[in-house]
Amino acid sequence: MSIFEKLENHYKSKNYLTYHAANEHEQLLLFYPNYKSTKIYVIHKSDDSKWFDLGCLERGDDEKLGVSFYDGCDNNFDKMIAKMKGVDKAAEDYRFTIFYDPDSDTYWIDNSLQLFFENQEAVITTYLKENGYQLISMTGEK
């Protein structure tokens, strides 16, 4: 069983909906709890690497969807599950980080990122299509 299948099964058992997708050189697992408004979590792996990037799907001011990676790990299932809990906190913390611009001597908070989505399936479908991914499998029920 591949690590992605193992992750899909784990999150499905926790009542998450999962989307496993790939393009020519990468694989993604996108997942979220079955609630009305949630973050969409992402585990990414390039085919030529043993490293997994861990993050969240976000929408910026320009309305484009992207993924911010907050952590990573090797091919270790238990470590990956534990680190995903930290990713959740890191994404929230980033939203309230106070940044300083020394040129203008101003402080600011980047509150432009949308982390919570209500139409998760449409958001994921759009992200996959815009980035050249093909859906391999989907688990869970809405």
Foldseek 3Di string as FASTA:
>chain_A
DALLVVVCVVVVVVQKKWWWKDAPFKIKIWIFHPDQKTWIKIWMDGNVDQKIFTFTWKAFPVRDIDTDTDDIDGSDNVVVVVVNVVRVVVVVVLQVDWDADVVVRDIDGRVGIDGMDRPVVVVVVVNCVVVRMDTPDIDHDD
